Amino acid sequence: MILNGTSKNFVLMYIIDHISRQMEIHIIISILLDYHGTIKEWSVGRCLNKNVKHIIDSKKYNKEAFGKRTFIQTNQCSICNKNAQPPEFDMLNYKHFEMAYHIVHCRHWQCRMSAVYSMIGHYASRNMYILRQPFQKSNKVNIPRTDGSETRGKCINNTVLKINNKYYIYTYWHDENGEHYNKLVPFKYYTAAPIRVY
């Protein structure tokens, strides 16, 4: 029998409820996550109840596997060092300003979440924080200039930079000669919404 996503979640909850009457919950969660550990089971498990969420959140994650820009090994997990063919891995790609970084990881939930936590840690080490949601859908913005005018350009709309306890949006543009410019614009210039970061 093939189960769809909703049926699998129901079966998972049923198994946990049924077995937990005879076995401690942390053992059940460890078995399910360690041997059938996709990100979906991780996210479903965190939503079951507070005890299960606490068990999952207290697992050890590698939060220091910062992304690389060059010499990327596509046949090895950056988290657990497992070797395999590249199609068996995923790659988390993220940008620090305009520079791209990459973390190769297995599809096991612990490696995937370690990659995410490493990305967040990498940003934080450079005073950059991920917004819980982009401050606007588009990356196109008007950039204020010193003379009071505005230039049309682009921004990184899902992160902010924190300097002296103030938050800034990284913006950039090209002039008619193709020269590249960038500027940090106060977050409040674009929105009055409160800042919510990871």
N, C-alpha and C. Protein backbone atom coordinates (compact mmCIF):
# COMPACT_ATOMS: atom_id res chain seq x y z
N MET A 1 0.85 -1.19 0.00
CA MET A 1 0.00 0.00 0.00
C MET A 1 0.89 1.25 0.00
N ILE A 2 0.58 2.20 -0.87
CA ILE A 2 1.34 3.45 -0.94
C ILE A 2 0.55 4.52 -0.18
N LEU A 3 1.25 5.18 0.76
CA LEU A 3 0.60 6.21 1.56
C LEU A 3 1.01 7.58 1.07
N ASN A 4 0.05 8.52 1.05
CA ASN A 4 0.41 9.89 0.72
C ASN A 4 0.94 10.58 1.99
N GLY A 5 1.37 11.86 1.86
CA GLY A 5 1.99 12.56 2.98
C GLY A 5 1.11 12.64 4.21
N THR A 6 -0.19 12.94 4.05
CA THR A 6 -1.11 13.05 5.19
C THR A 6 -1.28 11.71 5.87
N SER A 7 -1.43 10.64 5.09
CA SER A 7 -1.58 9.30 5.67
C SER A 7 -0.35 8.90 6.45
N LYS A 8 0.84 9.21 5.92
CA LYS A 8 2.08 8.88 6.61
C LYS A 8 2.15 9.59 7.96
N ASN A 9 1.75 10.86 7.98
CA ASN A 9 1.77 11.62 9.23
C ASN A 9 0.81 11.01 10.25
N PHE A 10 -0.38 10.60 9.77
CA PHE A 10 -1.36 9.98 10.66
C PHE A 10 -0.80 8.68 11.22
N VAL A 11 -0.19 7.87 10.34
CA VAL A 11 0.39 6.59 10.78
C VAL A 11 1.50 6.84 11.80
N LEU A 12 2.35 7.84 11.53
CA LEU A 12 3.43 8.17 12.45
C LEU A 12 2.87 8.55 13.82
N MET A 13 1.83 9.38 13.86
CA MET A 13 1.24 9.78 15.13
C MET A 13 0.59 8.59 15.84
N TYR A 14 -0.06 7.72 15.06
CA TYR A 14 -0.70 6.54 15.64
C TYR A 14 0.35 5.61 16.27
N ILE A 15 1.44 5.37 15.54
CA ILE A 15 2.50 4.49 16.05
C ILE A 15 3.07 5.06 17.34
N ILE A 16 3.36 6.36 17.34
CA ILE A 16 3.93 6.98 18.55
C ILE A 16 2.96 6.86 19.72
N ASP A 17 1.68 7.13 19.47
CA ASP A 17 0.69 7.05 20.54
C ASP A 17 0.55 5.62 21.06
N HIS A 18 0.50 4.66 20.15
CA HIS A 18 0.30 3.25 20.54
C HIS A 18 1.53 2.69 21.28
N ILE A 19 2.70 2.93 20.72
CA ILE A 19 3.91 2.35 21.32
C ILE A 19 4.29 3.08 22.60
N SER A 20 3.98 4.37 22.69
CA SER A 20 4.42 5.13 23.86
C SER A 20 3.77 4.64 25.15
N ARG A 21 2.73 3.84 25.04
CA ARG A 21 2.12 3.27 26.24
C ARG A 21 3.01 2.17 26.83
N GLN A 22 3.90 1.64 25.99
CA GLN A 22 4.76 0.55 26.44
C GLN A 22 6.24 0.93 26.45
N MET A 23 6.61 2.01 25.82
CA MET A 23 8.01 2.37 25.69
C MET A 23 8.13 3.89 25.88
N GLU A 24 9.26 4.34 26.43
CA GLU A 24 9.44 5.77 26.65
C GLU A 24 9.51 6.51 25.32
N ILE A 25 8.91 7.70 25.31
CA ILE A 25 8.75 8.47 24.07
C ILE A 25 10.08 8.82 23.41
N HIS A 26 11.12 9.13 24.21
CA HIS A 26 12.39 9.54 23.60
C HIS A 26 13.03 8.40 22.82
N ILE A 27 12.77 7.15 23.22
CA ILE A 27 13.30 5.99 22.49
C ILE A 27 12.59 5.87 21.15
N ILE A 28 11.27 6.03 21.16
CA ILE A 28 10.48 5.94 19.93
C ILE A 28 10.92 7.01 18.93
N ILE A 29 11.03 8.23 19.41
CA ILE A 29 11.41 9.35 18.53
C ILE A 29 12.79 9.11 17.95
N SER A 30 13.72 8.66 18.78
CA SER A 30 15.08 8.40 18.29
C SER A 30 15.07 7.33 17.21
N ILE A 31 14.31 6.26 17.42
CA ILE A 31 14.24 5.19 16.43
C ILE A 31 13.66 5.71 15.11
N LEU A 32 12.54 6.41 15.19
CA LEU A 32 11.90 6.92 13.97
C LEU A 32 12.78 7.91 13.22
N LEU A 33 13.41 8.81 13.95
CA LEU A 33 14.21 9.83 13.28
C LEU A 33 15.55 9.30 12.79
N ASP A 34 16.16 8.41 13.56
CA ASP A 34 17.48 7.90 13.16
C ASP A 34 17.41 6.92 11.99
N TYR A 35 16.31 6.19 11.88
CA TYR A 35 16.24 5.18 10.83
C TYR A 35 15.33 5.56 9.67
N HIS A 36 14.52 6.55 9.83
CA HIS A 36 13.68 7.02 8.72
C HIS A 36 13.68 8.55 8.79
N GLY A 37 14.89 9.09 8.78
CA GLY A 37 15.05 10.49 9.15
C GLY A 37 15.04 11.51 8.06
N THR A 38 13.88 11.76 7.47
CA THR A 38 13.79 12.84 6.49
C THR A 38 13.36 14.11 7.20
N ILE A 39 13.48 15.21 6.50
CA ILE A 39 13.10 16.51 7.08
C ILE A 39 11.61 16.56 7.39
N LYS A 40 10.81 15.79 6.63
CA LYS A 40 9.37 15.78 6.87
C LYS A 40 9.06 15.18 8.24
N GLU A 41 9.72 14.04 8.56
CA GLU A 41 9.50 13.43 9.88
C GLU A 41 9.98 14.37 10.99
N TRP A 42 11.07 15.07 10.73
CA TRP A 42 11.60 16.03 11.70
C TRP A 42 10.55 17.11 11.98
N SER A 43 9.98 17.68 10.92
CA SER A 43 9.01 18.77 11.11
C SER A 43 7.70 18.27 11.71
N VAL A 44 7.25 17.07 11.29
CA VAL A 44 6.02 16.51 11.88
C VAL A 44 6.24 16.22 13.36
N GLY A 45 7.39 15.63 13.68
CA GLY A 45 7.70 15.31 15.07
C GLY A 45 7.70 16.52 15.97
N ARG A 46 8.20 17.66 15.46
CA ARG A 46 8.25 18.88 16.27
C ARG A 46 6.86 19.43 16.56
N CYS A 47 5.88 19.04 15.74
CA CYS A 47 4.51 19.56 15.91
C CYS A 47 3.62 18.64 16.74
N LEU A 48 4.09 17.45 17.09
CA LEU A 48 3.23 16.50 17.80
C LEU A 48 2.84 17.00 19.19
N ASN A 49 3.84 17.33 19.99
CA ASN A 49 3.58 17.91 21.31
C ASN A 49 4.87 18.50 21.86
N LYS A 50 4.79 19.15 23.02
CA LYS A 50 5.96 19.84 23.58
C LYS A 50 7.08 18.88 23.94
N ASN A 51 6.73 17.69 24.46
CA ASN A 51 7.77 16.72 24.84
C ASN A 51 8.57 16.27 23.63
N VAL A 52 7.88 15.94 22.55
CA VAL A 52 8.57 15.48 21.34
C VAL A 52 9.40 16.62 20.76
N LYS A 53 8.85 17.84 20.74
CA LYS A 53 9.61 18.99 20.22
C LYS A 53 10.88 19.19 21.04
N HIS A 54 10.78 19.06 22.36
CA HIS A 54 11.95 19.23 23.22
C HIS A 54 13.00 18.16 22.92
N ILE A 55 12.56 16.93 22.71
CA ILE A 55 13.49 15.83 22.40
C ILE A 55 14.23 16.14 21.09
N ILE A 56 13.48 16.56 20.08
CA ILE A 56 14.08 16.84 18.78
C ILE A 56 15.00 18.06 18.84
N ASP A 57 14.56 19.11 19.55
CA ASP A 57 15.37 20.32 19.64
C ASP A 57 16.65 20.11 20.44
N SER A 58 16.65 19.11 21.33
CA SER A 58 17.84 18.87 22.15
C SER A 58 18.86 17.96 21.47
N LYS A 59 18.56 17.50 20.25
CA LYS A 59 19.53 16.70 19.50
C LYS A 59 20.74 17.58 19.16
N LYS A 60 21.88 16.96 19.00
CA LYS A 60 23.09 17.72 18.69
C LYS A 60 23.15 18.01 17.18
N TYR A 61 23.44 19.26 16.87
CA TYR A 61 23.58 19.69 15.49
C TYR A 61 24.99 20.25 15.30
N ASN A 62 25.54 20.05 14.12
CA ASN A 62 26.82 20.68 13.78
C ASN A 62 26.49 22.07 13.24
N LYS A 63 26.79 23.10 14.01
CA LYS A 63 26.42 24.46 13.62
C LYS A 63 27.61 25.25 13.08
N GLU A 64 28.70 24.54 12.78
CA GLU A 64 29.91 25.24 12.34
C GLU A 64 30.39 24.77 10.98
N ALA A 65 29.54 24.16 10.20
CA ALA A 65 29.91 23.73 8.84
C ALA A 65 29.60 24.85 7.87
N PHE A 66 30.30 25.98 8.02
CA PHE A 66 30.03 27.16 7.21
C PHE A 66 30.21 26.84 5.73
N GLY A 67 29.47 27.54 4.91
CA GLY A 67 29.53 27.32 3.47
C GLY A 67 30.87 27.68 2.87
N LYS A 68 31.15 27.08 1.73
CA LYS A 68 32.39 27.34 1.00
C LYS A 68 32.05 28.03 -0.32
N ARG A 69 33.02 28.77 -0.82
CA ARG A 69 32.85 29.43 -2.12
C ARG A 69 33.58 28.66 -3.20
N THR A 70 34.66 27.98 -2.83
CA THR A 70 35.46 27.25 -3.82
C THR A 70 35.83 25.88 -3.26
N PHE A 71 36.39 25.02 -4.09
CA PHE A 71 36.81 23.67 -3.70
C PHE A 71 35.68 22.92 -3.00
N ILE A 72 34.51 22.95 -3.60
CA ILE A 72 33.32 22.32 -3.02
C ILE A 72 33.31 20.84 -3.42
N GLN A 73 33.29 19.97 -2.43
CA GLN A 73 33.23 18.53 -2.70
C GLN A 73 31.77 18.11 -2.81
N THR A 74 31.34 17.83 -4.01
CA THR A 74 29.93 17.49 -4.22
C THR A 74 29.65 16.02 -3.94
N ASN A 75 30.67 15.25 -3.62
CA ASN A 75 30.48 13.83 -3.32
C ASN A 75 30.67 13.52 -1.84
N GLN A 76 30.66 14.55 -0.99
CA GLN A 76 30.84 14.33 0.44
C GLN A 76 29.97 15.30 1.24
N CYS A 77 29.28 14.75 2.25
CA CYS A 77 28.45 15.59 3.13
C CYS A 77 29.37 16.45 3.99
N SER A 78 29.13 17.74 4.02
CA SER A 78 29.93 18.67 4.83
C SER A 78 29.68 18.48 6.33
N ILE A 79 28.61 17.79 6.67
CA ILE A 79 28.23 17.62 8.08
C ILE A 79 28.78 16.32 8.65
N CYS A 80 28.42 15.18 8.04
CA CYS A 80 28.80 13.87 8.60
C CYS A 80 29.95 13.21 7.84
N ASN A 81 30.43 13.87 6.78
CA ASN A 81 31.55 13.38 5.96
C ASN A 81 31.26 12.08 5.21
N LYS A 82 29.99 11.72 5.08
CA LYS A 82 29.62 10.54 4.30
C LYS A 82 29.98 10.78 2.83
N ASN A 83 30.55 9.77 2.18
CA ASN A 83 30.88 9.84 0.75
C ASN A 83 29.84 9.09 -0.06
N ALA A 84 29.46 9.65 -1.19
CA ALA A 84 28.50 9.01 -2.09
C ALA A 84 28.53 9.76 -3.42
N GLN A 85 27.73 9.33 -4.35
CA GLN A 85 27.63 10.01 -5.63
C GLN A 85 26.89 11.34 -5.45
N PRO A 86 27.27 12.39 -6.18
CA PRO A 86 26.64 13.71 -6.01
C PRO A 86 25.11 13.72 -6.03
N PRO A 87 24.42 12.89 -6.86
CA PRO A 87 22.95 12.97 -6.84
C PRO A 87 22.33 12.60 -5.49
N GLU A 88 23.09 11.96 -4.60
CA GLU A 88 22.55 11.57 -3.30
C GLU A 88 22.60 12.69 -2.27
N PHE A 89 23.16 13.83 -2.66
CA PHE A 89 23.30 14.96 -1.75
C PHE A 89 22.48 16.15 -2.23
N ASP A 90 22.18 17.03 -1.31
CA ASP A 90 21.57 18.32 -1.64
C ASP A 90 22.60 19.39 -1.32
N MET A 91 22.37 20.58 -1.85
CA MET A 91 23.29 21.69 -1.59
C MET A 91 22.49 22.89 -1.11
N LEU A 92 22.85 23.40 0.06
CA LEU A 92 22.23 24.63 0.57
C LEU A 92 23.05 25.79 0.04
N ASN A 93 22.43 26.65 -0.76
CA ASN A 93 23.11 27.81 -1.34
C ASN A 93 22.60 29.07 -0.67
N TYR A 94 23.51 29.93 -0.28
CA TYR A 94 23.09 31.19 0.32
C TYR A 94 24.11 32.28 -0.02
N LYS A 95 23.68 33.52 0.14
CA LYS A 95 24.55 34.64 -0.21
C LYS A 95 24.89 35.47 1.01
N HIS A 96 26.15 35.89 1.08
CA HIS A 96 26.55 36.92 2.03
C HIS A 96 26.84 38.13 1.17
N PHE A 97 26.00 39.13 1.27
CA PHE A 97 25.98 40.23 0.32
C PHE A 97 25.79 39.63 -1.07
N GLU A 98 26.74 39.80 -1.97
CA GLU A 98 26.55 39.25 -3.31
C GLU A 98 27.41 38.01 -3.56
N MET A 99 28.09 37.50 -2.54
CA MET A 99 28.95 36.32 -2.69
C MET A 99 28.17 35.07 -2.29
N ALA A 100 28.21 34.06 -3.15
CA ALA A 100 27.46 32.83 -2.89
C ALA A 100 28.32 31.83 -2.11
N TYR A 101 27.68 31.13 -1.17
CA TYR A 101 28.31 30.07 -0.38
C TYR A 101 27.47 28.80 -0.54
N HIS A 102 28.12 27.65 -0.34
CA HIS A 102 27.44 26.38 -0.56
C HIS A 102 27.80 25.39 0.54
N ILE A 103 26.79 24.68 1.05
CA ILE A 103 27.00 23.59 2.01
C ILE A 103 26.40 22.33 1.41
N VAL A 104 27.23 21.33 1.14
CA VAL A 104 26.76 20.05 0.62
C VAL A 104 26.34 19.20 1.82
N HIS A 105 25.16 18.58 1.73
CA HIS A 105 24.69 17.77 2.87
C HIS A 105 23.83 16.60 2.41
N CYS A 106 23.78 15.56 3.26
CA CYS A 106 22.90 14.41 2.97
C CYS A 106 21.45 14.83 3.18
N ARG A 107 20.58 13.89 2.86
CA ARG A 107 19.14 14.19 3.00
C ARG A 107 18.61 13.82 4.37
N HIS A 108 19.45 13.29 5.25
CA HIS A 108 19.02 12.98 6.61
C HIS A 108 18.70 14.30 7.32
N TRP A 109 17.65 14.30 8.13
CA TRP A 109 17.20 15.54 8.77
C TRP A 109 18.29 16.21 9.60
N GLN A 110 19.15 15.41 10.25
CA GLN A 110 20.15 16.01 11.13
C GLN A 110 21.21 16.77 10.32
N CYS A 111 21.59 16.22 9.18
CA CYS A 111 22.56 16.92 8.32
C CYS A 111 21.91 18.14 7.67
N ARG A 112 20.67 17.99 7.24
CA ARG A 112 19.99 19.13 6.61
C ARG A 112 19.81 20.28 7.59
N MET A 113 19.36 19.97 8.80
CA MET A 113 19.17 21.04 9.78
C MET A 113 20.50 21.60 10.27
N SER A 114 21.53 20.76 10.33
CA SER A 114 22.87 21.26 10.68
C SER A 114 23.34 22.27 9.64
N ALA A 115 23.04 22.00 8.37
CA ALA A 115 23.40 22.94 7.31
C ALA A 115 22.66 24.27 7.49
N VAL A 116 21.37 24.19 7.81
CA VAL A 116 20.58 25.41 8.03
C VAL A 116 21.12 26.20 9.23
N TYR A 117 21.36 25.50 10.37
CA TYR A 117 21.90 26.18 11.55
C TYR A 117 23.29 26.74 11.29
N SER A 118 24.09 26.04 10.46
CA SER A 118 25.43 26.54 10.12
C SER A 118 25.32 27.82 9.29
N MET A 119 24.37 27.86 8.36
CA MET A 119 24.15 29.06 7.56
C MET A 119 23.77 30.23 8.47
N ILE A 120 22.86 29.99 9.39
CA ILE A 120 22.43 31.05 10.32
C ILE A 120 23.62 31.52 11.15
N GLY A 121 24.44 30.56 11.63
CA GLY A 121 25.62 30.90 12.41
C GLY A 121 26.66 31.67 11.61
N HIS A 122 26.82 31.29 10.35
CA HIS A 122 27.77 31.98 9.46
C HIS A 122 27.34 33.44 9.29
N TYR A 123 26.05 33.64 9.02
CA TYR A 123 25.53 35.00 8.92
C TYR A 123 25.77 35.77 10.21
N ALA A 124 25.41 35.17 11.35
CA ALA A 124 25.52 35.87 12.64
C ALA A 124 26.98 36.24 12.95
N SER A 125 27.94 35.39 12.53
CA SER A 125 29.36 35.68 12.77
C SER A 125 29.79 36.94 12.02
N ARG A 126 28.99 37.34 11.03
CA ARG A 126 29.29 38.54 10.26
C ARG A 126 28.24 39.63 10.48
N ASN A 127 27.53 39.51 11.60
CA ASN A 127 26.49 40.49 11.99
C ASN A 127 25.36 40.59 10.99
N MET A 128 25.09 39.49 10.30
CA MET A 128 24.00 39.47 9.35
C MET A 128 22.95 38.49 9.86
N TYR A 129 21.68 38.85 9.75
CA TYR A 129 20.61 38.02 10.31
C TYR A 129 19.52 37.81 9.27
N ILE A 130 18.97 36.60 9.28
CA ILE A 130 17.92 36.25 8.33
C ILE A 130 16.58 36.71 8.87
N LEU A 131 15.84 37.42 8.04
CA LEU A 131 14.49 37.85 8.42
C LEU A 131 13.56 36.64 8.38
N ARG A 132 12.60 36.60 9.29
CA ARG A 132 11.65 35.48 9.30
C ARG A 132 10.81 35.46 8.02
N GLN A 133 10.65 36.61 7.42
CA GLN A 133 10.07 36.69 6.08
C GLN A 133 10.63 37.95 5.43
N PRO A 134 10.84 37.92 4.11
CA PRO A 134 11.39 39.11 3.44
C PRO A 134 10.56 40.35 3.73
N PHE A 135 11.22 41.49 3.84
CA PHE A 135 10.48 42.71 4.17
C PHE A 135 9.61 43.17 3.00
N GLN A 136 9.87 42.65 1.79
CA GLN A 136 9.02 42.88 0.62
C GLN A 136 9.26 41.73 -0.36
N LYS A 137 8.32 41.51 -1.27
CA LYS A 137 8.44 40.38 -2.20
C LYS A 137 9.54 40.59 -3.22
N SER A 138 9.64 41.78 -3.75
CA SER A 138 10.61 42.07 -4.81
C SER A 138 11.97 42.45 -4.22
N ASN A 139 13.03 42.24 -5.00
CA ASN A 139 14.35 42.71 -4.56
C ASN A 139 14.69 44.06 -5.19
N LYS A 140 13.72 44.67 -5.88
CA LYS A 140 13.92 45.99 -6.49
C LYS A 140 13.51 47.07 -5.49
N VAL A 141 14.38 48.08 -5.33
CA VAL A 141 14.13 49.15 -4.36
C VAL A 141 14.62 50.49 -4.91
N ASN A 142 14.12 51.55 -4.30
CA ASN A 142 14.66 52.88 -4.53
C ASN A 142 15.72 53.12 -3.46
N ILE A 143 16.91 53.50 -3.87
CA ILE A 143 18.03 53.67 -2.94
C ILE A 143 18.26 55.16 -2.73
N PRO A 144 18.16 55.62 -1.47
CA PRO A 144 18.36 57.05 -1.20
C PRO A 144 19.82 57.44 -1.41
N ARG A 145 20.03 58.59 -2.05
CA ARG A 145 21.38 59.08 -2.29
C ARG A 145 21.65 60.28 -1.40
N THR A 146 22.90 60.64 -1.25
CA THR A 146 23.31 61.74 -0.37
C THR A 146 22.70 63.07 -0.78
N ASP A 147 22.51 63.27 -2.09
CA ASP A 147 21.96 64.55 -2.57
C ASP A 147 20.44 64.64 -2.46
N GLY A 148 19.79 63.61 -1.86
CA GLY A 148 18.35 63.61 -1.67
C GLY A 148 17.58 62.88 -2.76
N SER A 149 18.26 62.53 -3.84
CA SER A 149 17.59 61.80 -4.92
C SER A 149 17.53 60.31 -4.59
N GLU A 150 16.88 59.55 -5.44
CA GLU A 150 16.82 58.10 -5.28
C GLU A 150 17.26 57.44 -6.58
N THR A 151 17.95 56.32 -6.43
CA THR A 151 18.39 55.53 -7.58
C THR A 151 17.69 54.18 -7.51
N ARG A 152 17.22 53.72 -8.67
CA ARG A 152 16.58 52.40 -8.72
C ARG A 152 17.67 51.34 -8.69
N GLY A 153 17.51 50.37 -7.82
CA GLY A 153 18.51 49.31 -7.70
C GLY A 153 17.90 48.06 -7.11
N LYS A 154 18.76 47.22 -6.56
CA LYS A 154 18.31 45.96 -5.97
C LYS A 154 18.80 45.87 -4.54
N CYS A 155 18.19 44.91 -3.81
CA CYS A 155 18.59 44.70 -2.42
C CYS A 155 18.55 43.21 -2.11
N ILE A 156 19.12 42.85 -1.00
CA ILE A 156 18.94 41.51 -0.47
C ILE A 156 17.79 41.63 0.52
N ASN A 157 16.63 41.10 0.13
CA ASN A 157 15.40 41.39 0.88
C ASN A 157 15.10 40.42 2.01
N ASN A 158 15.97 39.42 2.23
CA ASN A 158 15.66 38.46 3.30
C ASN A 158 16.68 38.48 4.44
N THR A 159 17.62 39.42 4.42
CA THR A 159 18.59 39.54 5.51
C THR A 159 18.78 41.00 5.89
N VAL A 160 19.26 41.21 7.10
CA VAL A 160 19.62 42.56 7.56
C VAL A 160 21.02 42.50 8.17
N LEU A 161 21.69 43.61 8.14
CA LEU A 161 23.01 43.73 8.75
C LEU A 161 22.86 44.58 10.00
N LYS A 162 23.45 44.13 11.10
CA LYS A 162 23.33 44.86 12.36
C LYS A 162 24.65 45.57 12.68
N ILE A 163 24.58 46.89 12.76
CA ILE A 163 25.76 47.70 13.09
C ILE A 163 25.36 48.68 14.19
N ASN A 164 26.08 48.65 15.30
CA ASN A 164 25.78 49.53 16.44
C ASN A 164 24.31 49.47 16.85
N ASN A 165 23.78 48.26 16.93
CA ASN A 165 22.40 48.01 17.33
C ASN A 165 21.35 48.61 16.39
N LYS A 166 21.74 48.90 15.16
CA LYS A 166 20.79 49.36 14.15
C LYS A 166 20.85 48.39 12.99
N TYR A 167 19.70 48.19 12.34
CA TYR A 167 19.60 47.23 11.24
C TYR A 167 19.59 47.95 9.89
N TYR A 168 20.30 47.34 8.94
CA TYR A 168 20.43 47.92 7.61
C TYR A 168 20.13 46.88 6.53
N ILE A 169 19.65 47.37 5.39
CA ILE A 169 19.42 46.55 4.20
C ILE A 169 20.58 46.81 3.24
N TYR A 170 21.14 45.73 2.71
CA TYR A 170 22.22 45.85 1.73
C TYR A 170 21.60 46.09 0.36
N THR A 171 21.97 47.21 -0.27
CA THR A 171 21.45 47.56 -1.59
C THR A 171 22.62 47.73 -2.56
N TYR A 172 22.32 47.60 -3.86
CA TYR A 172 23.37 47.77 -4.87
C TYR A 172 22.75 48.19 -6.20
N TRP A 173 23.57 48.79 -7.04
CA TRP A 173 23.11 49.24 -8.35
C TRP A 173 24.31 49.43 -9.28
N HIS A 174 24.03 49.62 -10.58
CA HIS A 174 25.05 49.90 -11.59
C HIS A 174 24.70 51.23 -12.26
N ASP A 175 25.73 52.02 -12.54
CA ASP A 175 25.46 53.27 -13.26
C ASP A 175 25.45 53.02 -14.76
N GLU A 176 25.28 54.08 -15.54
CA GLU A 176 25.18 53.92 -17.00
C GLU A 176 26.48 53.40 -17.63
N ASN A 177 27.60 53.52 -16.93
CA ASN A 177 28.88 53.00 -17.43
C ASN A 177 29.16 51.57 -16.94
N GLY A 178 28.21 51.01 -16.20
CA GLY A 178 28.39 49.65 -15.70
C GLY A 178 29.15 49.57 -14.39
N GLU A 179 29.47 50.71 -13.78
CA GLU A 179 30.17 50.70 -12.48
C GLU A 179 29.22 50.19 -11.40
N HIS A 180 29.76 49.38 -10.51
CA HIS A 180 28.96 48.75 -9.46
C HIS A 180 29.09 49.56 -8.16
N TYR A 181 27.95 49.80 -7.51
CA TYR A 181 27.93 50.52 -6.23
C TYR A 181 27.05 49.76 -5.25
N ASN A 182 27.32 49.95 -3.97
CA ASN A 182 26.44 49.38 -2.94
C ASN A 182 26.33 50.35 -1.78
N LYS A 183 25.28 50.15 -1.02
CA LYS A 183 25.03 51.04 0.12
C LYS A 183 24.18 50.32 1.15
N LEU A 184 24.46 50.57 2.41
CA LEU A 184 23.62 50.06 3.49
C LEU A 184 22.58 51.12 3.82
N VAL A 185 21.32 50.74 3.70
CA VAL A 185 20.22 51.67 3.94
C VAL A 185 19.49 51.24 5.21
N PRO A 186 19.18 52.17 6.13
CA PRO A 186 18.47 51.77 7.35
C PRO A 186 17.18 51.00 7.04
N PHE A 187 16.95 49.93 7.77
CA PHE A 187 15.77 49.10 7.59
C PHE A 187 14.50 49.95 7.63
N LYS A 188 14.47 50.92 8.53
CA LYS A 188 13.28 51.76 8.72
C LYS A 188 12.96 52.61 7.50
N TYR A 189 13.91 52.77 6.59
CA TYR A 189 13.66 53.56 5.38
C TYR A 189 12.62 52.85 4.50
N TYR A 190 12.61 51.52 4.55
CA TYR A 190 11.72 50.74 3.69
C TYR A 190 10.45 50.25 4.37
N THR A 191 10.49 50.07 5.67
CA THR A 191 9.29 49.56 6.35
C THR A 191 9.31 49.94 7.82
N ALA A 192 8.11 50.14 8.36
CA ALA A 192 7.98 50.43 9.79
C ALA A 192 7.69 49.15 10.57
N ALA A 193 7.63 48.03 9.88
CA ALA A 193 7.33 46.74 10.54
C ALA A 193 8.46 46.38 11.50
N PRO A 194 8.12 45.72 12.60
CA PRO A 194 9.17 45.30 13.54
C PRO A 194 10.07 44.24 12.90
N ILE A 195 11.32 44.25 13.29
CA ILE A 195 12.27 43.28 12.75
C ILE A 195 12.16 41.97 13.51
N ARG A 196 11.93 40.89 12.77
CA ARG A 196 11.90 39.54 13.36
C ARG A 196 12.93 38.70 12.63
N VAL A 197 13.97 38.31 13.36
CA VAL A 197 15.07 37.56 12.73
C VAL A 197 15.24 36.20 13.42
N TYR A 198 15.96 35.31 12.74
CA TYR A 198 16.32 34.01 13.31
C TYR A 198 17.58 34.17 14.13
